[in-house]
């Protein structure tokens, strides 16, 4: 029997885009009224304002027109990824990353796996408190190279960052971009229900660390068991990790530039409101300064920047294709209809099942609206009053939103920052999806149980 071959990621995404276009001819067009919240300035949905409108199907030509629209809409993240690739291309050419990895490998000899829970815990706090997602993209090349040098694989290196921050994001206890916005729209006190959320954070992060740790131990024992074994062999050769290098004065200067840059990144995100534009500029500065500190001439810096950026073009375009799906649904006026229809599925269910139903509905919505703050603005004006109708607390509705938004972020091909992470990691989506699926199902089961408990205890204040 011939083995089923999964289509190329570009083909897979294009098939989803075509399906979305077909749906614009089948699904009735509709829209909610929207208004600006006078207190926050955010655009929110007006409850009970949904109405059907004239059909606006996307034409075959419009299908292809939506692709550049998606690229433009995702342009900030696309260029952010390319600039990161260019900056790290410069840094990599100085030999500093290899030398730094050599130092860590020697220090961690015999206790390599201890690094996994430590790194994941650090990144989980960034996700749980700051809602960081795109901001950790620069750390993937370093952690992947480190994981390879310690005898793991690129999936382990990626998971330490992606699932560390992702578990923190999904189980967040003080994320202003998801919990803060959702609670604000629902009329709840900011960050109320803190203790229960800390418990969910510990459970989700703990399960995630165990999953990644067991995978890493398996790969360390038998490298050929890794789904990325063949790709990693090429990567190891490319990074020349077979010989551990010593840190020289040049490497220490470049490393100093990196440390200062990371400090500015933390201050920028935490205190100065840095986002994509500012972070892109910061990494351009880091890359150029590191090149000069590493003794590269201007022409060499330019050449290494181009090489680094070229390696991420494949993944950068994937981000634009993923964004195209939402563009098609918006142009065809079926995005609001989809959300309205999914929300109506929850009505009429028993109380506990209503809570679980909200969780799964939010999971589906996140595939179409992968932005946490965007999903909160679209869905919570509907879900909060619906929670009142079905007899569950609004706090439970916010928890259902939090899980529904968080879990799919690290497996859905429509999630821009997730696809950017895979692009930087050089891991194909279908490879990651097969590896991640068992954990995603475990997360979903945990989410359903925790939402059920929140309903049963009348998780409040209301």
Protein backbone atom coordinates (compact mmCIF):
# COMPACT_ATOMS: atom_id res chain seq x y z
CA UNK A 1 0.00 0.00 0.00
CA UNK A 2 1.39 3.37 -1.00
CA UNK A 3 2.17 5.66 1.92
CA UNK A 4 -0.09 8.71 2.16
CA UNK A 5 1.95 11.76 1.29
CA UNK A 6 1.07 15.02 3.02
CA UNK A 7 1.02 17.96 0.59
CA UNK A 8 3.68 20.66 0.68
CA UNK A 9 2.82 23.34 3.24
CA UNK A 10 2.20 25.90 0.49
CA UNK A 11 -0.18 23.47 -1.24
CA UNK A 12 -1.94 22.71 2.05
CA UNK A 13 -2.51 26.39 2.82
CA UNK A 14 -3.63 27.11 -0.74
CA UNK A 15 -6.20 24.30 -0.43
CA UNK A 16 -7.53 25.91 2.75
CA UNK A 17 -7.73 29.28 0.96
CA UNK A 18 -9.66 27.68 -1.92
CA UNK A 19 -12.01 26.05 0.60
CA UNK A 20 -12.60 29.43 2.27
CA UNK A 21 -13.39 30.97 -1.14
CA UNK A 22 -15.92 28.19 -1.86
CA UNK A 23 -17.53 28.85 1.53
CA UNK A 24 -18.13 32.49 0.56
CA UNK A 25 -20.63 31.12 -2.00
CA UNK A 26 -22.31 28.75 0.49
CA UNK A 27 -22.24 30.39 3.93
CA UNK A 28 -24.72 33.31 4.22
CA UNK A 29 -22.96 36.67 4.50
CA UNK A 30 -23.52 38.56 7.73
CA UNK A 31 -21.95 41.10 10.04
CA UNK A 32 -22.08 42.59 13.51
CA UNK A 33 -22.19 46.30 14.22
CA UNK A 34 -19.03 47.50 15.90
CA UNK A 35 -18.37 50.44 18.17
CA UNK A 36 -15.45 52.00 19.99
CA UNK A 37 -15.18 51.40 23.72
CA UNK A 38 -14.96 54.94 25.19
CA UNK A 39 -12.74 53.77 28.06
CA UNK A 40 -10.14 51.76 26.11
CA UNK A 41 -10.56 52.97 22.53
CA UNK A 42 -10.86 49.33 21.34
CA UNK A 43 -13.32 48.34 18.66
CA UNK A 44 -15.84 45.85 20.07
CA UNK A 45 -18.85 43.97 18.74
CA UNK A 46 -22.32 45.29 19.61
CA UNK A 47 -24.31 42.48 21.26
CA UNK A 48 -27.43 41.28 19.39
CA UNK A 49 -26.49 43.39 16.35
CA UNK A 50 -25.83 40.51 13.94
CA UNK A 51 -27.72 40.68 10.68
CA UNK A 52 -27.45 38.98 7.33
CA UNK A 53 -26.28 41.09 4.41
CA UNK A 54 -26.00 40.69 0.66
CA UNK A 55 -23.74 37.90 -0.46
CA UNK A 56 -20.25 39.05 -1.47
CA UNK A 57 -18.54 35.88 -2.74
CA UNK A 58 -14.85 36.02 -3.56
CA UNK A 59 -14.26 35.52 -7.29
CA UNK A 60 -11.58 33.20 -8.72
CA UNK A 61 -9.51 36.29 -9.53
CA UNK A 62 -10.23 37.61 -6.03
CA UNK A 63 -8.78 34.38 -4.64
CA UNK A 64 -5.37 35.21 -6.09
CA UNK A 65 -5.81 38.89 -5.26
CA UNK A 66 -6.34 37.95 -1.60
CA UNK A 67 -2.84 36.43 -1.42
CA UNK A 68 -0.96 39.73 -1.83
CA UNK A 69 -3.54 41.30 0.51
CA UNK A 70 -2.63 38.69 3.11
CA UNK A 71 1.06 39.33 2.54
CA UNK A 72 0.52 43.06 3.09
CA UNK A 73 -1.61 42.49 6.18
CA UNK A 74 1.08 40.23 7.65
CA UNK A 75 3.86 42.46 6.33
CA UNK A 76 5.17 43.55 9.74
CA UNK A 77 5.71 39.98 10.92
CA UNK A 78 7.08 38.85 7.54
CA UNK A 79 9.74 41.56 7.53
CA UNK A 80 10.41 41.00 11.22
CA UNK A 81 11.24 37.36 10.45
CA UNK A 82 13.48 38.32 7.51
CA UNK A 83 15.32 40.94 9.57
CA UNK A 84 15.86 38.42 12.40
CA UNK A 85 17.26 35.98 9.85
CA UNK A 86 19.60 38.64 8.50
CA UNK A 87 20.76 39.74 11.96
CA UNK A 88 21.48 36.20 13.09
CA UNK A 89 23.21 35.49 9.80
CA UNK A 90 25.69 38.23 10.71
CA UNK A 91 26.09 37.00 14.30
CA UNK A 92 26.47 33.38 13.18
CA UNK A 93 29.25 34.31 10.76
CA UNK A 94 31.36 35.66 13.64
CA UNK A 95 31.45 32.19 15.24
CA UNK A 96 30.12 33.54 18.54
CA UNK A 97 27.05 31.30 18.72
CA UNK A 98 29.13 28.16 18.16
CA UNK A 99 31.66 29.27 20.78
CA UNK A 100 28.92 30.12 23.29
CA UNK A 101 27.26 26.77 22.71
CA UNK A 102 30.59 25.01 23.27
CA UNK A 103 30.90 26.72 26.66
CA UNK A 104 27.35 25.72 27.70
CA UNK A 105 27.82 22.14 26.49
CA UNK A 106 30.88 21.76 28.71
CA UNK A 107 29.07 23.30 31.69
CA UNK A 108 26.01 21.04 31.23
CA UNK A 109 27.95 17.82 30.69
CA UNK A 110 26.03 14.96 32.34
CA UNK A 111 23.01 17.11 33.23
CA UNK A 112 21.88 18.27 29.77
CA UNK A 113 18.18 17.56 30.31
CA UNK A 114 18.08 19.88 33.33
CA UNK A 115 18.19 22.77 30.86
CA UNK A 116 14.72 21.88 29.50
CA UNK A 117 12.56 22.72 32.57
CA UNK A 118 14.68 25.78 33.38
CA UNK A 119 14.37 27.31 29.91
CA UNK A 120 10.68 26.41 29.54
CA UNK A 121 9.85 27.93 32.93
CA UNK A 122 11.57 31.20 32.02
CA UNK A 123 9.75 31.49 28.70
CA UNK A 124 6.45 30.44 30.29
CA UNK A 125 6.60 33.44 32.64
CA UNK A 126 7.04 35.70 29.61
CA UNK A 127 3.87 34.21 28.11
CA UNK A 128 1.88 34.17 31.35
CA UNK A 129 2.67 37.71 32.47
CA UNK A 130 3.57 39.68 29.32
CA UNK A 131 1.61 37.72 26.70
CA UNK A 132 4.80 37.42 24.66
CA UNK A 133 4.62 35.48 21.38
CA UNK A 134 6.33 37.18 18.41
CA UNK A 135 8.87 38.73 20.75
CA UNK A 136 10.60 35.37 21.45
CA UNK A 137 11.27 34.65 17.75
CA UNK A 138 14.92 35.77 18.01
CA UNK A 139 15.67 33.02 20.56
CA UNK A 140 14.87 30.05 18.30
CA UNK A 141 18.20 29.89 16.39
CA UNK A 142 20.19 29.94 19.64
CA UNK A 143 18.07 27.36 21.48
CA UNK A 144 17.91 25.01 18.48
CA UNK A 145 21.67 25.11 18.01
CA UNK A 146 22.13 24.55 21.76
CA UNK A 147 19.70 21.60 21.76
CA UNK A 148 21.55 19.97 18.87
CA UNK A 149 24.88 20.42 20.59
CA UNK A 150 23.51 18.79 23.76
CA UNK A 151 22.40 15.71 21.82
CA UNK A 152 18.72 16.59 21.36
CA UNK A 153 16.98 17.66 18.13
CA UNK A 154 15.55 20.81 16.58
CA UNK A 155 12.07 19.92 17.84
CA UNK A 156 13.38 20.00 21.42
CA UNK A 157 15.06 23.36 20.84
CA UNK A 158 11.93 24.79 19.26
CA UNK A 159 9.63 23.33 21.92
CA UNK A 160 11.65 24.81 24.78
CA UNK A 161 10.81 28.28 23.47
CA UNK A 162 7.51 27.77 21.61
CA UNK A 163 5.81 25.45 24.10
CA UNK A 164 7.39 27.18 27.10
CA UNK A 165 5.91 30.54 26.06
CA UNK A 166 2.82 28.79 24.63
CA UNK A 167 2.01 26.92 27.84
CA UNK A 168 2.45 30.16 29.77
CA UNK A 169 0.23 32.01 27.30
CA UNK A 170 -2.50 29.35 27.40
CA UNK A 171 -2.41 29.03 31.19
CA UNK A 172 -1.72 32.72 31.78
CA UNK A 173 -2.62 34.36 35.08
CA UNK A 174 -1.79 38.00 34.18
CA UNK A 175 -1.72 38.32 30.38
CA UNK A 176 -3.03 41.83 29.57
CA UNK A 177 -3.62 41.02 25.89
CA UNK A 178 -5.99 38.09 26.47
CA UNK A 179 -7.23 37.94 30.06
CA UNK A 180 -7.09 41.72 30.51
CA UNK A 181 -9.08 42.50 27.37
CA UNK A 182 -11.54 39.61 27.81
CA UNK A 183 -12.24 40.53 31.43
CA UNK A 184 -12.58 44.20 30.52
CA UNK A 185 -15.17 43.44 27.84
CA UNK A 186 -16.98 41.08 30.24
CA UNK A 187 -17.10 43.72 32.99
CA UNK A 188 -14.94 41.66 35.37
CA UNK A 189 -12.29 43.16 37.68
CA UNK A 190 -8.88 43.09 36.01
CA UNK A 191 -7.00 39.82 36.66
CA UNK A 192 -9.70 38.56 39.00
CA UNK A 193 -9.77 34.79 39.57
CA UNK A 194 -5.97 34.90 39.93
CA UNK A 195 -5.50 31.86 42.22
CA UNK A 196 -7.40 29.44 39.99
CA UNK A 197 -5.43 30.66 36.98
CA UNK A 198 -2.12 30.06 38.75
CA UNK A 199 -3.24 26.46 39.34
CA UNK A 200 -4.10 26.06 35.64
CA UNK A 201 -0.72 27.55 34.71
CA UNK A 202 1.15 25.04 36.90
CA UNK A 203 -0.81 22.08 35.51
CA UNK A 204 -0.45 23.04 31.84
CA UNK A 205 3.22 23.95 32.13
CA UNK A 206 4.02 20.82 34.15
CA UNK A 207 2.43 18.50 31.59
CA UNK A 208 4.19 20.33 28.76
CA UNK A 209 7.63 20.10 30.38
CA UNK A 210 7.16 16.35 30.93
CA UNK A 211 6.14 15.87 27.27
CA UNK A 212 9.19 17.75 25.94
CA UNK A 213 11.54 16.16 28.50
CA UNK A 214 10.48 12.62 27.54
CA UNK A 215 10.94 13.41 23.85
CA UNK A 216 14.40 14.85 24.47
CA UNK A 217 15.45 11.81 26.53
CA UNK A 218 14.25 9.49 23.76
CA UNK A 219 16.16 11.41 21.10
CA UNK A 220 19.32 11.60 23.21
CA UNK A 221 19.20 7.82 23.60
CA UNK A 222 18.32 7.15 19.95
CA UNK A 223 18.87 10.15 17.62
CA UNK A 224 17.25 8.35 14.67
CA UNK A 225 13.90 8.37 16.52
CA UNK A 226 13.63 12.12 15.93
CA UNK A 227 11.17 13.20 13.21
CA UNK A 228 13.77 15.79 12.15
CA UNK A 229 16.78 13.43 12.24
CA UNK A 230 17.74 13.83 8.57
CA UNK A 231 17.24 17.60 8.56
CA UNK A 232 19.20 17.94 11.79
CA UNK A 233 22.17 16.05 10.37
CA UNK A 234 22.44 18.70 7.68
CA UNK A 235 21.95 21.46 10.24
CA UNK A 236 24.65 20.06 12.53
CA UNK A 237 27.07 19.91 9.65
CA UNK A 238 26.16 23.44 8.65
CA UNK A 239 26.64 24.79 12.18
CA UNK A 240 29.89 22.83 12.55
CA UNK A 241 29.05 21.69 16.08
CA UNK A 242 31.23 18.59 15.92
CA UNK A 243 34.10 20.48 17.56
CA UNK A 244 33.53 22.64 20.61
CA UNK A 245 35.07 26.09 20.20
CA UNK A 246 36.60 28.32 22.83
CA UNK A 247 35.36 31.84 23.53
CA UNK A 248 37.89 34.40 22.26
CA UNK A 249 38.02 38.13 22.87
CA UNK A 250 36.14 38.71 19.62
CA UNK A 251 33.39 36.30 20.65
CA UNK A 252 33.09 37.96 24.06
CA UNK A 253 32.61 41.37 22.41
CA UNK A 254 29.84 40.03 20.18
CA UNK A 255 28.29 38.19 23.12
CA UNK A 256 28.31 41.46 25.06
CA UNK A 257 26.40 43.13 22.21
CA UNK A 258 23.83 40.31 22.35
CA UNK A 259 23.39 40.65 26.12
CA UNK A 260 22.90 44.41 25.90
CA UNK A 261 20.45 43.87 23.03
CA UNK A 262 18.40 41.36 25.02
CA UNK A 263 18.29 43.75 27.99
CA UNK A 264 16.94 46.46 25.69
CA UNK A 265 14.44 43.96 24.28
CA UNK A 266 13.15 43.14 27.78
CA UNK A 267 12.93 46.83 28.73
CA UNK A 268 11.34 47.73 25.41
CA UNK A 269 8.61 45.09 25.64
CA UNK A 270 8.00 45.48 29.37
CA UNK A 271 8.28 49.25 29.85
CA UNK A 272 8.37 51.10 26.56
CA UNK A 273 5.67 49.32 24.59
CA UNK A 274 7.97 47.94 21.89
CA UNK A 275 6.29 45.85 19.21
CA UNK A 276 7.21 44.66 15.72
CA UNK A 277 8.60 47.91 14.24
CA UNK A 278 10.70 48.73 17.28
CA UNK A 279 11.92 45.13 17.68
CA UNK A 280 12.85 44.94 14.00
CA UNK A 281 14.90 48.13 14.34
CA UNK A 282 16.51 46.77 17.52
CA UNK A 283 17.66 43.56 15.82
CA UNK A 284 19.04 45.45 12.86
CA UNK A 285 21.12 47.47 15.32
CA UNK A 286 22.19 44.30 17.16
CA UNK A 287 23.16 42.55 13.92
CA UNK A 288 25.20 45.43 12.52
CA UNK A 289 26.88 46.21 15.85
CA UNK A 290 27.70 42.53 16.41
CA UNK A 291 29.22 42.32 12.93
CA UNK A 292 31.48 45.30 13.61
CA UNK A 293 32.41 43.94 17.05
CA UNK A 294 33.24 40.62 15.41
CA UNK A 295 35.63 42.22 12.96
CA UNK A 296 33.46 42.01 9.82
CA UNK A 297 33.82 44.65 7.14
CA UNK A 298 30.71 46.52 5.88
CA UNK A 299 30.52 44.43 2.69
CA UNK A 300 30.80 41.20 4.70
CA UNK A 301 28.02 42.36 7.02
CA UNK A 302 25.77 43.02 4.01
CA UNK A 303 26.54 39.64 2.44
CA UNK A 304 25.94 37.68 5.66
CA UNK A 305 22.71 39.61 6.27
CA UNK A 306 21.41 38.59 2.83
CA UNK A 307 22.36 34.94 3.40
CA UNK A 308 20.58 34.88 6.75
CA UNK A 309 17.44 36.50 5.37
CA UNK A 310 17.35 34.16 2.36
CA UNK A 311 17.08 31.13 4.64
CA UNK A 312 13.78 32.40 6.06
CA UNK A 313 12.00 33.44 2.85
CA UNK A 314 10.20 30.07 2.67
CA UNK A 315 8.69 30.51 6.12
CA UNK A 316 8.05 34.23 5.78
CA UNK A 317 5.77 33.62 2.80
CA UNK A 318 3.88 30.96 4.77
CA UNK A 319 2.88 33.65 7.27
CA UNK A 320 1.31 35.70 4.48
CA UNK A 321 -0.53 32.67 3.09
CA UNK A 322 -1.94 31.87 6.54
CA UNK A 323 -3.19 35.45 6.90
CA UNK A 324 -4.88 35.18 3.47
CA UNK A 325 -7.46 32.78 4.91
CA UNK A 326 -8.86 35.49 7.22
CA UNK A 327 -8.70 38.04 4.38
CA UNK A 328 -10.93 35.80 2.23
CA UNK A 329 -13.44 35.32 5.06
CA UNK A 330 -13.56 39.06 5.75
CA UNK A 331 -13.95 39.98 2.06
CA UNK A 332 -16.70 37.37 1.70
CA UNK A 333 -18.43 38.62 4.88
CA UNK A 334 -18.56 35.09 6.34
CA UNK A 335 -16.25 35.60 9.33
CA UNK A 336 -18.96 37.15 11.53
CA UNK A 337 -21.50 34.58 10.32
CA UNK A 338 -19.14 31.77 11.32
CA UNK A 339 -18.62 33.24 14.81
CA UNK A 340 -22.37 33.88 15.25
CA UNK A 341 -23.25 30.33 14.20
CA UNK A 342 -20.63 28.74 16.44
CA UNK A 343 -21.79 30.81 19.42
CA UNK A 344 -25.38 29.68 18.89
CA UNK A 345 -24.30 26.04 19.20
CA UNK A 346 -23.69 26.60 22.91
CA UNK A 347 -27.23 27.70 23.73
CA UNK A 348 -29.57 25.04 25.11
CA UNK A 349 -26.85 22.76 26.50
CA UNK A 350 -26.64 21.69 30.17
CA UNK A 351 -24.54 24.07 32.27
CA UNK A 352 -21.27 22.12 32.35
CA UNK A 353 -21.57 21.20 28.68
CA UNK A 354 -22.20 24.89 27.89
CA UNK A 355 -18.85 25.74 29.45
CA UNK A 356 -17.07 22.96 27.54
CA UNK A 357 -18.96 24.01 24.41
CA UNK A 358 -17.71 27.59 24.80
CA UNK A 359 -14.15 26.26 25.07
CA UNK A 360 -14.41 24.26 21.85
CA UNK A 361 -16.19 27.11 20.04
CA UNK A 362 -13.38 29.48 21.04
CA UNK A 363 -10.90 26.88 19.77
CA UNK A 364 -12.58 26.90 16.36
CA UNK A 365 -12.83 30.71 16.30
CA UNK A 366 -9.09 30.97 16.97
CA UNK A 367 -8.37 29.13 13.73
CA UNK A 368 -10.06 31.97 11.85
CA UNK A 369 -9.06 34.83 14.20
CA UNK A 370 -5.62 33.82 15.53
CA UNK A 371 -4.98 37.12 17.33
CA UNK A 372 -5.69 36.79 21.06
CA UNK A 373 -6.76 40.40 21.52
CA UNK A 374 -8.66 40.29 18.22
CA UNK A 375 -10.51 37.14 19.22
CA UNK A 376 -11.41 38.68 22.57
CA UNK A 377 -12.80 41.78 20.85
CA UNK A 378 -14.87 39.68 18.43
CA UNK A 379 -16.09 36.83 20.63
CA UNK A 380 -16.36 38.07 24.23
CA UNK A 381 -19.13 40.64 23.57
CA UNK A 382 -21.16 37.59 22.44
CA UNK A 383 -19.91 34.99 24.92
CA UNK A 384 -20.13 37.13 28.07
CA UNK A 385 -23.90 37.81 27.89
CA UNK A 386 -24.44 34.26 26.59
CA UNK A 387 -22.80 32.99 29.79
CA UNK A 388 -25.49 34.85 31.75
CA UNK A 389 -28.21 33.19 29.65
CA UNK A 390 -26.92 29.61 30.01
CA UNK A 391 -26.22 29.98 33.74
CA UNK A 392 -22.43 29.99 33.99
CA UNK A 393 -20.19 32.74 35.31
CA UNK A 394 -18.54 35.23 32.99
CA UNK A 395 -15.24 34.27 34.58
CA UNK A 396 -15.75 30.72 33.26
CA UNK A 397 -16.48 32.18 29.82
CA UNK A 398 -13.19 34.10 29.97
CA UNK A 399 -11.36 30.91 31.01
CA UNK A 400 -12.92 29.06 28.05
CA UNK A 401 -11.74 31.86 25.76
CA UNK A 402 -8.24 31.76 27.26
CA UNK A 403 -7.83 28.02 26.61
CA UNK A 404 -9.51 28.13 23.21
CA UNK A 405 -7.21 30.93 22.12
CA UNK A 406 -4.02 29.56 23.67
CA UNK A 407 -3.97 25.87 22.75
CA UNK A 408 -4.37 26.21 18.97
CA UNK A 409 -1.74 28.94 18.72
CA UNK A 410 1.07 26.35 18.59
CA UNK A 411 -0.46 23.96 16.05
CA UNK A 412 -2.80 25.90 13.74
CA UNK A 413 -1.26 26.86 10.36
CA UNK A 414 -3.21 30.13 10.50
CA UNK A 415 -1.24 31.30 13.57
CA UNK A 416 1.26 33.81 12.22
CA UNK A 417 3.85 33.82 15.01
CA UNK A 418 3.73 30.00 15.21
CA UNK A 419 4.41 29.62 11.48
CA UNK A 420 7.16 32.21 11.84
CA UNK A 421 8.72 30.09 14.60
CA UNK A 422 8.65 26.98 12.40
CA UNK A 423 10.13 29.00 9.55
CA UNK A 424 13.04 30.10 11.71
CA UNK A 425 13.42 26.55 13.06
CA UNK A 426 13.35 25.00 9.58
CA UNK A 427 10.67 22.49 10.66
CA UNK A 428 7.86 21.63 8.25
CA UNK A 429 4.36 22.21 9.64
CA UNK A 430 3.20 18.64 9.00
CA UNK A 431 6.22 17.25 10.91
CA UNK A 432 5.52 19.50 13.90
CA UNK A 433 1.76 18.82 13.77
CA UNK A 434 2.26 15.04 13.98
CA UNK A 435 4.60 15.45 16.94
CA UNK A 436 2.45 18.06 18.69
CA UNK A 437 -0.98 16.40 18.23
CA UNK A 438 -0.84 14.12 21.33
CA UNK A 439 0.08 17.08 23.55
CA UNK A 440 -2.63 19.22 21.95
CA UNK A 441 -5.21 16.52 22.76
CA UNK A 442 -3.89 16.30 26.35
CA UNK A 443 -4.14 20.09 26.66
CA UNK A 444 -7.70 20.00 25.29
CA UNK A 445 -8.73 17.32 27.78
CA UNK A 446 -7.18 19.29 30.65
CA UNK A 447 -8.90 22.45 29.40
CA UNK A 448 -12.29 20.72 29.30
CA UNK A 449 -11.84 19.41 32.86
CA UNK A 450 -10.70 22.78 34.22
CA UNK A 451 -13.56 24.64 32.55
CA UNK A 452 -16.00 22.06 33.97
CA UNK A 453 -14.56 22.58 37.46
CA UNK A 454 -14.85 26.36 37.04
CA UNK A 455 -18.54 25.96 36.17
CA UNK A 456 -19.21 23.64 39.12
CA UNK A 457 -17.53 25.98 41.66
CA UNK A 458 -19.17 29.10 40.15
CA UNK A 459 -15.75 30.56 39.41
CA UNK A 460 -16.20 34.26 39.96
CA UNK A 461 -16.65 36.90 41.19
CA UNK A 462 -19.47 36.52 38.66
